[in-house]
Amino acid sequence: MIVTLETGPVKYPITLNEAKKQVEIGDEQPEHDAYLNTLIAAATAQAEQYLHRRLITQTWKLYLEDWPAGDSIILPFGRLQSVTSVKYTDSDGDETTFSSADYDVNTQNEPGLITLGYQKVWPTATLYPSNPIEIEFVCGYGAAGSSVESAIRHAIKLTISDLFENRETESFMPNHAKLKTWEALLFPYKLFGGVF
């Protein structure tokens, strides 16, 4: 199982102005902007890794070696918005799009699912030997930072302020008080079950 980013998010859950307010820096101090933008990216990546989620709308491709034994395919990262396509390549190298009429997309489930429709079956063609099944999907809380749960956004802000104030590697050791707050904020939104 392989995932690749097709279209990344156009923004982060936290804006530069929000980060500056968090670390109590005014607009008259633009010399910190580049560093704060780096911290926003790092804090977002850390939260996404911990949560096994992607926060702002983005498009991914999931590659599978075979069709599942059951009726469903679990899609990674939670907050599934849509499935763009399900394609497969046969042993002759010919690509076919699996009809969306043959499966249902469950965006309410966490994580999202593709489930075979009633009395439908997965394609029976002999598959290409390497990554023959390609599923393109869109996930994330939404296109704006305000779409992301406020607790997640606050945890990212805590990370930004902690990294800004403490520029040493010991800052995020497990016994650090801000890490415990950070984890407590994020834990209710964490995806489990070994899904990415």
N, C-alpha and C. Protein backbone atom coordinates (compact mmCIF):
# COMPACT_ATOMS: atom_id res chain seq x y z
N MET A 1 0.84 -1.18 0.00
CA MET A 1 0.00 0.00 0.00
C MET A 1 0.89 1.25 0.00
N ILE A 2 0.70 2.10 -0.97
CA ILE A 2 1.51 3.32 -1.11
C ILE A 2 0.57 4.50 -1.27
N VAL A 3 0.92 5.63 -0.67
CA VAL A 3 0.16 6.86 -0.90
C VAL A 3 1.09 7.94 -1.41
N THR A 4 0.59 8.73 -2.35
CA THR A 4 1.36 9.85 -2.87
C THR A 4 0.47 11.09 -2.92
N LEU A 5 1.07 12.22 -2.62
CA LEU A 5 0.34 13.49 -2.65
C LEU A 5 0.20 13.96 -4.08
N GLU A 6 -1.03 14.21 -4.50
CA GLU A 6 -1.30 14.68 -5.85
C GLU A 6 -1.40 16.20 -5.88
N THR A 7 -2.20 16.78 -4.98
CA THR A 7 -2.37 18.23 -4.89
C THR A 7 -2.35 18.61 -3.42
N GLY A 8 -1.35 19.38 -3.03
CA GLY A 8 -1.21 19.76 -1.63
C GLY A 8 -2.17 20.86 -1.21
N PRO A 9 -2.23 21.11 0.09
CA PRO A 9 -3.09 22.18 0.59
C PRO A 9 -2.57 23.54 0.16
N VAL A 10 -3.48 24.49 -0.01
CA VAL A 10 -3.07 25.83 -0.45
C VAL A 10 -2.71 26.72 0.73
N LYS A 11 -3.00 26.27 1.94
CA LYS A 11 -2.67 27.05 3.14
C LYS A 11 -2.50 26.11 4.32
N TYR A 12 -2.14 26.69 5.45
CA TYR A 12 -2.00 25.92 6.68
C TYR A 12 -3.17 26.23 7.62
N PRO A 13 -3.38 25.39 8.63
CA PRO A 13 -4.48 25.65 9.57
C PRO A 13 -4.30 26.94 10.38
N ILE A 14 -3.05 27.39 10.51
CA ILE A 14 -2.74 28.59 11.27
C ILE A 14 -2.10 29.61 10.34
N THR A 15 -2.58 30.85 10.38
CA THR A 15 -2.00 31.91 9.55
C THR A 15 -0.78 32.51 10.24
N LEU A 16 -0.01 33.25 9.46
CA LEU A 16 1.15 33.94 10.03
C LEU A 16 0.70 34.92 11.12
N ASN A 17 -0.38 35.65 10.89
CA ASN A 17 -0.87 36.60 11.89
C ASN A 17 -1.28 35.89 13.18
N GLU A 18 -1.91 34.73 13.06
CA GLU A 18 -2.28 33.96 14.25
C GLU A 18 -1.04 33.49 15.00
N ALA A 19 -0.03 33.07 14.26
CA ALA A 19 1.21 32.63 14.90
C ALA A 19 1.90 33.80 15.59
N LYS A 20 1.90 34.96 14.97
CA LYS A 20 2.53 36.13 15.59
C LYS A 20 1.80 36.52 16.87
N LYS A 21 0.50 36.44 16.84
CA LYS A 21 -0.27 36.74 18.05
C LYS A 21 0.03 35.73 19.14
N GLN A 22 0.19 34.45 18.76
CA GLN A 22 0.47 33.41 19.74
C GLN A 22 1.81 33.64 20.44
N VAL A 23 2.81 34.09 19.67
CA VAL A 23 4.13 34.31 20.28
C VAL A 23 4.32 35.77 20.70
N GLU A 24 3.24 36.54 20.62
CA GLU A 24 3.21 37.93 21.07
C GLU A 24 4.23 38.81 20.36
N ILE A 25 4.17 38.71 19.02
CA ILE A 25 5.00 39.55 18.15
C ILE A 25 4.07 40.40 17.31
N GLY A 26 4.37 41.69 17.22
CA GLY A 26 3.54 42.60 16.43
C GLY A 26 3.96 42.62 14.97
N ASP A 27 3.13 43.25 14.14
CA ASP A 27 3.42 43.35 12.71
C ASP A 27 4.66 44.19 12.43
N GLU A 28 5.07 44.98 13.42
CA GLU A 28 6.25 45.82 13.23
C GLU A 28 7.56 45.03 13.35
N GLN A 29 7.46 43.70 13.51
CA GLN A 29 8.65 42.85 13.62
C GLN A 29 8.64 41.78 12.52
N PRO A 30 8.74 42.20 11.26
CA PRO A 30 8.67 41.23 10.15
C PRO A 30 9.90 40.33 10.04
N GLU A 31 10.94 40.62 10.78
CA GLU A 31 12.15 39.80 10.70
C GLU A 31 11.92 38.37 11.18
N HIS A 32 10.82 38.14 11.91
CA HIS A 32 10.51 36.79 12.40
C HIS A 32 9.59 36.02 11.46
N ASP A 33 9.09 36.66 10.41
CA ASP A 33 8.06 36.04 9.57
C ASP A 33 8.52 34.73 8.93
N ALA A 34 9.72 34.72 8.35
CA ALA A 34 10.20 33.52 7.66
C ALA A 34 10.34 32.35 8.64
N TYR A 35 10.87 32.65 9.82
CA TYR A 35 11.04 31.60 10.82
C TYR A 35 9.69 31.09 11.31
N LEU A 36 8.75 32.00 11.53
CA LEU A 36 7.41 31.58 11.98
C LEU A 36 6.70 30.75 10.91
N ASN A 37 6.89 31.09 9.66
CA ASN A 37 6.29 30.27 8.59
C ASN A 37 6.86 28.86 8.61
N THR A 38 8.16 28.74 8.90
CA THR A 38 8.77 27.41 9.04
C THR A 38 8.17 26.65 10.21
N LEU A 39 7.95 27.35 11.31
CA LEU A 39 7.36 26.71 12.50
C LEU A 39 5.92 26.29 12.24
N ILE A 40 5.16 27.09 11.50
CA ILE A 40 3.78 26.73 11.17
C ILE A 40 3.78 25.41 10.38
N ALA A 41 4.67 25.31 9.40
CA ALA A 41 4.76 24.09 8.59
C ALA A 41 5.16 22.89 9.45
N ALA A 42 6.15 23.09 10.31
CA ALA A 42 6.63 21.99 11.15
C ALA A 42 5.57 21.56 12.16
N ALA A 43 4.90 22.51 12.78
CA ALA A 43 3.87 22.20 13.78
C ALA A 43 2.68 21.49 13.14
N THR A 44 2.32 21.91 11.93
CA THR A 44 1.23 21.25 11.21
C THR A 44 1.61 19.82 10.87
N ALA A 45 2.82 19.63 10.36
CA ALA A 45 3.29 18.28 10.01
C ALA A 45 3.31 17.37 11.24
N GLN A 46 3.74 17.91 12.38
CA GLN A 46 3.80 17.13 13.60
C GLN A 46 2.39 16.70 14.03
N ALA A 47 1.45 17.62 13.98
CA ALA A 47 0.07 17.30 14.36
C ALA A 47 -0.52 16.26 13.40
N GLU A 48 -0.29 16.42 12.10
CA GLU A 48 -0.82 15.47 11.13
C GLU A 48 -0.23 14.07 11.33
N GLN A 49 1.06 14.03 11.62
CA GLN A 49 1.71 12.73 11.84
C GLN A 49 1.14 12.05 13.08
N TYR A 50 0.96 12.80 14.14
CA TYR A 50 0.41 12.24 15.38
C TYR A 50 -1.02 11.76 15.17
N LEU A 51 -1.82 12.54 14.46
CA LEU A 51 -3.23 12.24 14.27
C LEU A 51 -3.50 11.20 13.18
N HIS A 52 -2.52 10.94 12.31
CA HIS A 52 -2.71 10.11 11.12
C HIS A 52 -3.77 10.73 10.21
N ARG A 53 -3.82 12.06 10.18
CA ARG A 53 -4.80 12.81 9.39
C ARG A 53 -4.09 13.82 8.50
N ARG A 54 -4.86 14.38 7.56
CA ARG A 54 -4.45 15.56 6.82
C ARG A 54 -5.51 16.60 7.11
N LEU A 55 -5.09 17.81 7.42
CA LEU A 55 -6.01 18.79 8.00
C LEU A 55 -6.71 19.66 6.96
N ILE A 56 -5.96 20.26 6.06
CA ILE A 56 -6.53 21.14 5.05
C ILE A 56 -6.74 20.34 3.76
N THR A 57 -7.80 20.64 3.02
CA THR A 57 -8.17 19.89 1.82
C THR A 57 -6.96 19.62 0.91
N GLN A 58 -6.81 18.37 0.52
CA GLN A 58 -5.72 17.96 -0.36
C GLN A 58 -6.11 16.66 -1.08
N THR A 59 -5.45 16.41 -2.19
CA THR A 59 -5.75 15.24 -3.01
C THR A 59 -4.60 14.25 -2.96
N TRP A 60 -4.95 12.99 -2.73
CA TRP A 60 -3.95 11.91 -2.63
C TRP A 60 -4.30 10.78 -3.58
N LYS A 61 -3.29 9.95 -3.86
CA LYS A 61 -3.51 8.70 -4.58
C LYS A 61 -3.04 7.55 -3.70
N LEU A 62 -3.91 6.55 -3.59
CA LEU A 62 -3.59 5.33 -2.86
C LEU A 62 -3.40 4.22 -3.87
N TYR A 63 -2.29 3.48 -3.76
CA TYR A 63 -2.00 2.37 -4.65
C TYR A 63 -2.07 1.06 -3.88
N LEU A 64 -2.81 0.11 -4.43
CA LEU A 64 -2.96 -1.21 -3.82
C LEU A 64 -2.41 -2.28 -4.75
N GLU A 65 -1.96 -3.38 -4.15
CA GLU A 65 -1.45 -4.51 -4.93
C GLU A 65 -2.56 -5.44 -5.38
N ASP A 66 -3.68 -5.44 -4.64
CA ASP A 66 -4.77 -6.35 -4.95
C ASP A 66 -6.07 -5.79 -4.40
N TRP A 67 -7.18 -6.31 -4.89
CA TRP A 67 -8.48 -5.95 -4.35
C TRP A 67 -8.63 -6.58 -2.98
N PRO A 68 -9.39 -5.97 -2.08
CA PRO A 68 -9.53 -6.54 -0.74
C PRO A 68 -10.34 -7.83 -0.76
N ALA A 69 -10.14 -8.67 0.27
CA ALA A 69 -10.91 -9.91 0.39
C ALA A 69 -12.36 -9.59 0.73
N GLY A 70 -12.59 -8.49 1.45
CA GLY A 70 -13.93 -8.11 1.84
C GLY A 70 -14.55 -7.11 0.86
N ASP A 71 -15.58 -6.45 1.32
CA ASP A 71 -16.34 -5.53 0.47
C ASP A 71 -15.86 -4.08 0.52
N SER A 72 -14.91 -3.76 1.40
CA SER A 72 -14.54 -2.35 1.62
C SER A 72 -13.06 -2.10 1.51
N ILE A 73 -12.74 -0.88 1.10
CA ILE A 73 -11.36 -0.37 1.11
C ILE A 73 -11.35 0.82 2.06
N ILE A 74 -10.47 0.77 3.04
CA ILE A 74 -10.32 1.89 3.98
C ILE A 74 -9.36 2.90 3.37
N LEU A 75 -9.78 4.15 3.33
CA LEU A 75 -8.92 5.21 2.82
C LEU A 75 -8.25 5.94 3.98
N PRO A 76 -6.98 6.28 3.83
CA PRO A 76 -6.25 6.88 4.94
C PRO A 76 -6.61 8.35 5.19
N PHE A 77 -6.17 8.85 6.33
CA PHE A 77 -6.14 10.27 6.69
C PHE A 77 -7.45 10.86 7.21
N GLY A 78 -8.53 10.12 7.22
CA GLY A 78 -9.77 10.64 7.80
C GLY A 78 -10.36 11.80 7.01
N ARG A 79 -11.54 12.25 7.46
CA ARG A 79 -12.27 13.35 6.83
C ARG A 79 -12.27 13.25 5.31
N LEU A 80 -12.64 12.06 4.82
CA LEU A 80 -12.77 11.86 3.38
C LEU A 80 -13.84 12.80 2.84
N GLN A 81 -13.48 13.56 1.81
CA GLN A 81 -14.44 14.45 1.17
C GLN A 81 -15.06 13.82 -0.07
N SER A 82 -14.23 13.15 -0.87
CA SER A 82 -14.74 12.52 -2.09
C SER A 82 -13.70 11.56 -2.65
N VAL A 83 -14.18 10.68 -3.54
CA VAL A 83 -13.31 9.81 -4.31
C VAL A 83 -13.42 10.25 -5.76
N THR A 84 -12.31 10.62 -6.34
CA THR A 84 -12.27 11.10 -7.72
C THR A 84 -12.38 9.95 -8.71
N SER A 85 -11.60 8.88 -8.45
CA SER A 85 -11.62 7.73 -9.36
C SER A 85 -11.00 6.51 -8.71
N VAL A 86 -11.41 5.35 -9.20
CA VAL A 86 -10.80 4.07 -8.86
C VAL A 86 -10.41 3.44 -10.19
N LYS A 87 -9.12 3.24 -10.39
CA LYS A 87 -8.61 2.69 -11.65
C LYS A 87 -7.77 1.45 -11.36
N TYR A 88 -7.69 0.58 -12.34
CA TYR A 88 -6.82 -0.59 -12.20
C TYR A 88 -6.17 -0.89 -13.54
N THR A 89 -4.98 -1.47 -13.47
CA THR A 89 -4.21 -1.81 -14.66
C THR A 89 -4.09 -3.33 -14.72
N ASP A 90 -4.45 -3.90 -15.87
CA ASP A 90 -4.38 -5.36 -15.99
C ASP A 90 -2.99 -5.81 -16.40
N SER A 91 -2.82 -7.12 -16.52
CA SER A 91 -1.49 -7.69 -16.80
C SER A 91 -0.95 -7.29 -18.16
N ASP A 92 -1.82 -6.81 -19.05
CA ASP A 92 -1.37 -6.33 -20.36
C ASP A 92 -0.97 -4.85 -20.34
N GLY A 93 -1.14 -4.22 -19.17
CA GLY A 93 -0.78 -2.81 -19.05
C GLY A 93 -1.91 -1.87 -19.42
N ASP A 94 -3.11 -2.38 -19.62
CA ASP A 94 -4.27 -1.55 -19.98
C ASP A 94 -4.96 -1.04 -18.71
N GLU A 95 -5.20 0.26 -18.66
CA GLU A 95 -5.84 0.87 -17.49
C GLU A 95 -7.34 1.00 -17.73
N THR A 96 -8.12 0.66 -16.69
CA THR A 96 -9.57 0.74 -16.75
C THR A 96 -10.07 1.48 -15.53
N THR A 97 -11.07 2.33 -15.70
CA THR A 97 -11.70 3.00 -14.58
C THR A 97 -12.86 2.14 -14.08
N PHE A 98 -12.82 1.81 -12.81
CA PHE A 98 -13.90 1.04 -12.18
C PHE A 98 -15.09 1.98 -12.02
N SER A 99 -16.24 1.59 -12.53
CA SER A 99 -17.41 2.46 -12.54
C SER A 99 -17.86 2.86 -11.14
N SER A 100 -18.09 4.14 -10.95
CA SER A 100 -18.57 4.62 -9.64
C SER A 100 -19.97 4.10 -9.33
N ALA A 101 -20.66 3.56 -10.32
CA ALA A 101 -21.97 2.95 -10.09
C ALA A 101 -21.84 1.62 -9.35
N ASP A 102 -20.62 1.07 -9.31
CA ASP A 102 -20.39 -0.24 -8.69
C ASP A 102 -19.93 -0.14 -7.24
N TYR A 103 -19.73 1.07 -6.75
CA TYR A 103 -19.29 1.20 -5.36
C TYR A 103 -19.91 2.43 -4.72
N ASP A 104 -19.94 2.42 -3.39
CA ASP A 104 -20.42 3.55 -2.61
C ASP A 104 -19.25 4.16 -1.87
N VAL A 105 -19.31 5.47 -1.68
CA VAL A 105 -18.28 6.19 -0.92
C VAL A 105 -18.90 6.65 0.39
N ASN A 106 -18.30 6.23 1.49
CA ASN A 106 -18.80 6.59 2.81
C ASN A 106 -17.89 7.66 3.40
N THR A 107 -18.33 8.91 3.32
CA THR A 107 -17.55 10.02 3.88
C THR A 107 -17.87 10.25 5.35
N GLN A 108 -18.92 9.61 5.86
CA GLN A 108 -19.29 9.78 7.26
C GLN A 108 -18.44 8.91 8.18
N ASN A 109 -17.98 7.80 7.67
CA ASN A 109 -17.14 6.90 8.47
C ASN A 109 -15.77 7.54 8.69
N GLU A 110 -15.16 7.25 9.82
CA GLU A 110 -13.80 7.72 10.09
C GLU A 110 -12.90 6.52 10.36
N PRO A 111 -11.96 6.19 9.48
CA PRO A 111 -11.69 6.86 8.20
C PRO A 111 -12.73 6.48 7.14
N GLY A 112 -12.66 7.18 6.01
CA GLY A 112 -13.63 6.97 4.94
C GLY A 112 -13.48 5.60 4.28
N LEU A 113 -14.54 5.18 3.62
CA LEU A 113 -14.57 3.86 3.00
C LEU A 113 -15.07 3.92 1.57
N ILE A 114 -14.56 3.00 0.76
CA ILE A 114 -15.17 2.65 -0.51
C ILE A 114 -15.74 1.26 -0.30
N THR A 115 -17.04 1.09 -0.55
CA THR A 115 -17.70 -0.20 -0.33
C THR A 115 -18.41 -0.62 -1.61
N LEU A 116 -18.27 -1.89 -1.93
CA LEU A 116 -18.96 -2.42 -3.11
C LEU A 116 -20.46 -2.18 -2.99
N GLY A 117 -21.09 -1.86 -4.12
CA GLY A 117 -22.54 -1.72 -4.15
C GLY A 117 -23.22 -3.08 -4.01
N TYR A 118 -24.50 -3.06 -3.83
CA TYR A 118 -25.28 -4.29 -3.64
C TYR A 118 -25.10 -5.22 -4.85
N GLN A 119 -24.69 -6.47 -4.56
CA GLN A 119 -24.46 -7.52 -5.55
C GLN A 119 -23.40 -7.15 -6.59
N LYS A 120 -22.50 -6.26 -6.23
CA LYS A 120 -21.37 -5.91 -7.10
C LYS A 120 -20.13 -6.66 -6.64
N VAL A 121 -19.17 -6.83 -7.53
CA VAL A 121 -17.91 -7.50 -7.20
C VAL A 121 -16.74 -6.66 -7.71
N TRP A 122 -15.59 -6.88 -7.09
CA TRP A 122 -14.38 -6.22 -7.57
C TRP A 122 -14.03 -6.80 -8.94
N PRO A 123 -13.36 -6.05 -9.79
CA PRO A 123 -12.97 -6.56 -11.11
C PRO A 123 -12.15 -7.85 -10.99
N THR A 124 -12.32 -8.73 -11.94
CA THR A 124 -11.66 -10.04 -11.89
C THR A 124 -10.46 -10.16 -12.81
N ALA A 125 -10.12 -9.09 -13.51
CA ALA A 125 -8.97 -9.14 -14.44
C ALA A 125 -7.69 -9.44 -13.67
N THR A 126 -6.77 -10.15 -14.33
CA THR A 126 -5.44 -10.37 -13.75
C THR A 126 -4.72 -9.03 -13.71
N LEU A 127 -4.25 -8.68 -12.52
CA LEU A 127 -3.69 -7.35 -12.31
C LEU A 127 -2.22 -7.27 -12.68
N TYR A 128 -1.81 -6.07 -13.05
CA TYR A 128 -0.41 -5.76 -13.32
C TYR A 128 0.39 -6.03 -12.04
N PRO A 129 1.64 -6.46 -12.14
CA PRO A 129 2.37 -6.89 -10.95
C PRO A 129 2.77 -5.79 -9.96
N SER A 130 2.75 -4.53 -10.38
CA SER A 130 3.22 -3.47 -9.47
C SER A 130 2.20 -2.34 -9.36
N ASN A 131 1.67 -2.13 -8.17
CA ASN A 131 0.73 -1.04 -7.87
C ASN A 131 -0.38 -0.91 -8.92
N PRO A 132 -1.12 -1.98 -9.17
CA PRO A 132 -2.10 -1.94 -10.26
C PRO A 132 -3.38 -1.15 -9.96
N ILE A 133 -3.71 -0.97 -8.67
CA ILE A 133 -4.95 -0.29 -8.33
C ILE A 133 -4.62 1.11 -7.84
N GLU A 134 -5.25 2.11 -8.45
CA GLU A 134 -4.99 3.51 -8.10
C GLU A 134 -6.31 4.17 -7.71
N ILE A 135 -6.36 4.68 -6.48
CA ILE A 135 -7.55 5.37 -5.99
C ILE A 135 -7.18 6.82 -5.70
N GLU A 136 -7.82 7.73 -6.39
CA GLU A 136 -7.59 9.16 -6.14
C GLU A 136 -8.72 9.69 -5.26
N PHE A 137 -8.35 10.36 -4.17
CA PHE A 137 -9.36 10.84 -3.24
C PHE A 137 -8.96 12.19 -2.64
N VAL A 138 -9.96 12.90 -2.13
CA VAL A 138 -9.77 14.20 -1.52
C VAL A 138 -10.12 14.07 -0.03
N CYS A 139 -9.26 14.61 0.82
CA CYS A 139 -9.50 14.51 2.26
C CYS A 139 -9.13 15.83 2.93
N GLY A 140 -9.47 15.93 4.21
CA GLY A 140 -9.17 17.13 5.00
C GLY A 140 -10.44 17.73 5.57
N TYR A 141 -10.28 18.57 6.58
CA TYR A 141 -11.43 19.20 7.22
C TYR A 141 -12.10 20.24 6.33
N GLY A 142 -11.33 20.87 5.46
CA GLY A 142 -11.85 21.91 4.58
C GLY A 142 -10.71 22.74 4.03
N ALA A 143 -11.04 23.70 3.17
CA ALA A 143 -10.03 24.51 2.50
C ALA A 143 -9.49 25.64 3.38
N ALA A 144 -10.21 25.99 4.43
CA ALA A 144 -9.80 27.10 5.30
C ALA A 144 -9.33 26.58 6.65
N GLY A 145 -8.41 27.30 7.26
CA GLY A 145 -7.94 26.92 8.59
C GLY A 145 -9.06 26.85 9.60
N SER A 146 -10.05 27.70 9.44
CA SER A 146 -11.19 27.72 10.37
C SER A 146 -12.02 26.45 10.29
N SER A 147 -11.83 25.63 9.25
CA SER A 147 -12.55 24.36 9.13
C SER A 147 -12.01 23.30 10.09
N VAL A 148 -10.77 23.47 10.49
CA VAL A 148 -10.11 22.49 11.36
C VAL A 148 -10.61 22.68 12.79
N GLU A 149 -10.77 21.56 13.49
CA GLU A 149 -11.23 21.59 14.88
C GLU A 149 -10.38 22.57 15.69
N SER A 150 -11.04 23.35 16.55
CA SER A 150 -10.33 24.38 17.31
C SER A 150 -9.27 23.79 18.24
N ALA A 151 -9.51 22.61 18.79
CA ALA A 151 -8.52 21.99 19.67
C ALA A 151 -7.25 21.64 18.90
N ILE A 152 -7.40 21.17 17.67
CA ILE A 152 -6.24 20.86 16.84
C ILE A 152 -5.47 22.14 16.51
N ARG A 153 -6.19 23.19 16.17
CA ARG A 153 -5.54 24.46 15.85
C ARG A 153 -4.80 25.00 17.07
N HIS A 154 -5.40 24.85 18.25
CA HIS A 154 -4.75 25.34 19.47
C HIS A 154 -3.49 24.53 19.76
N ALA A 155 -3.54 23.21 19.53
CA ALA A 155 -2.36 22.38 19.74
C ALA A 155 -1.23 22.81 18.80
N ILE A 156 -1.56 23.16 17.57
CA ILE A 156 -0.54 23.64 16.63
C ILE A 156 0.05 24.96 17.12
N LYS A 157 -0.81 25.83 17.64
CA LYS A 157 -0.32 27.10 18.18
C LYS A 157 0.62 26.87 19.37
N LEU A 158 0.28 25.91 20.22
CA LEU A 158 1.16 25.60 21.36
C LEU A 158 2.52 25.13 20.87
N THR A 159 2.52 24.31 19.83
CA THR A 159 3.78 23.83 19.28
C THR A 159 4.59 24.99 18.72
N ILE A 160 3.94 25.88 18.01
CA ILE A 160 4.63 27.04 17.44
C ILE A 160 5.26 27.88 18.54
N SER A 161 4.49 28.21 19.56
CA SER A 161 5.04 29.05 20.63
C SER A 161 6.15 28.34 21.39
N ASP A 162 5.99 27.04 21.59
CA ASP A 162 7.03 26.29 22.30
C ASP A 162 8.33 26.25 21.51
N LEU A 163 8.23 25.99 20.22
CA LEU A 163 9.42 25.95 19.38
C LEU A 163 10.05 27.33 19.21
N PHE A 164 9.22 28.35 19.21
CA PHE A 164 9.74 29.72 19.09
C PHE A 164 10.51 30.13 20.34
N GLU A 165 9.98 29.76 21.51
CA GLU A 165 10.61 30.15 22.78
C GLU A 165 11.77 29.24 23.16
N ASN A 166 11.69 27.98 22.80
CA ASN A 166 12.70 26.99 23.21
C ASN A 166 13.31 26.36 21.97
N ARG A 167 14.41 26.87 21.55
CA ARG A 167 15.00 26.44 20.29
C ARG A 167 16.05 25.35 20.49
N GLU A 168 15.78 24.48 21.45
CA GLU A 168 16.67 23.37 21.74
C GLU A 168 15.93 22.07 21.50
N THR A 169 16.67 20.99 21.27
CA THR A 169 16.04 19.70 20.95
C THR A 169 15.29 19.11 22.14
N GLU A 170 15.61 19.52 23.37
CA GLU A 170 14.95 18.97 24.54
C GLU A 170 13.53 19.49 24.71
N SER A 171 13.13 20.48 23.95
CA SER A 171 11.84 21.12 24.15
C SER A 171 10.67 20.15 24.13
N PHE A 172 10.71 19.17 23.22
CA PHE A 172 9.55 18.29 23.09
C PHE A 172 9.84 16.88 23.61
N MET A 173 10.54 16.78 24.73
CA MET A 173 10.69 15.51 25.39
C MET A 173 9.36 15.12 26.02
N PRO A 174 9.10 13.81 26.22
CA PRO A 174 7.79 13.36 26.70
C PRO A 174 7.33 13.95 28.02
N ASN A 175 8.23 14.36 28.91
CA ASN A 175 7.80 14.90 30.20
C ASN A 175 7.56 16.41 30.16
N HIS A 176 7.63 17.00 29.00
CA HIS A 176 7.45 18.43 28.87
C HIS A 176 5.97 18.79 29.03
N ALA A 177 5.66 19.77 29.86
CA ALA A 177 4.26 20.10 30.19
C ALA A 177 3.45 20.49 28.97
N LYS A 178 4.06 21.26 28.05
CA LYS A 178 3.31 21.69 26.88
C LYS A 178 3.02 20.53 25.95
N LEU A 179 3.91 19.52 25.92
CA LEU A 179 3.64 18.35 25.11
C LEU A 179 2.42 17.62 25.65
N LYS A 180 2.28 17.53 26.97
CA LYS A 180 1.13 16.85 27.55
C LYS A 180 -0.16 17.59 27.17
N THR A 181 -0.15 18.90 27.22
CA THR A 181 -1.32 19.67 26.81
C THR A 181 -1.59 19.46 25.33
N TRP A 182 -0.54 19.50 24.53
CA TRP A 182 -0.64 19.29 23.09
C TRP A 182 -1.28 17.94 22.79
N GLU A 183 -0.79 16.91 23.45
CA GLU A 183 -1.30 15.57 23.22
C GLU A 183 -2.75 15.43 23.69
N ALA A 184 -3.07 16.04 24.82
CA ALA A 184 -4.44 15.99 25.33
C ALA A 184 -5.41 16.67 24.37
N LEU A 185 -4.98 17.74 23.73
CA LEU A 185 -5.83 18.43 22.76
C LEU A 185 -6.05 17.59 21.50
N LEU A 186 -5.01 16.91 21.06
CA LEU A 186 -5.08 16.16 19.81
C LEU A 186 -5.67 14.77 19.94
N PHE A 187 -5.51 14.14 21.09
CA PHE A 187 -5.86 12.72 21.25
C PHE A 187 -7.29 12.38 20.82
N PRO A 188 -8.31 13.19 21.14
CA PRO A 188 -9.68 12.82 20.73
C PRO A 188 -9.88 12.74 19.22
N TYR A 189 -8.98 13.31 18.44
CA TYR A 189 -9.12 13.33 16.98
C TYR A 189 -8.18 12.34 16.29
N LYS A 190 -7.43 11.57 17.07
CA LYS A 190 -6.44 10.66 16.51
C LYS A 190 -7.12 9.45 15.89
N LEU A 191 -6.67 9.07 14.69
CA LEU A 191 -7.16 7.86 14.02
C LEU A 191 -6.33 6.69 14.47
N PHE A 192 -6.99 5.57 14.77
CA PHE A 192 -6.29 4.37 15.21
C PHE A 192 -6.50 3.24 14.22
N GLY A 193 -6.00 2.09 14.54
CA GLY A 193 -6.19 0.92 13.69
C GLY A 193 -5.11 0.74 12.64
N GLY A 194 -3.96 1.40 12.80
CA GLY A 194 -2.86 1.20 11.88
C GLY A 194 -3.06 1.83 10.52
N VAL A 195 -3.99 2.77 10.43
CA VAL A 195 -4.23 3.43 9.14
C VAL A 195 -3.31 4.64 9.00
N PHE A 196 -2.19 4.46 8.36
CA PHE A 196 -1.24 5.52 8.07
C PHE A 196 -1.06 6.45 9.26
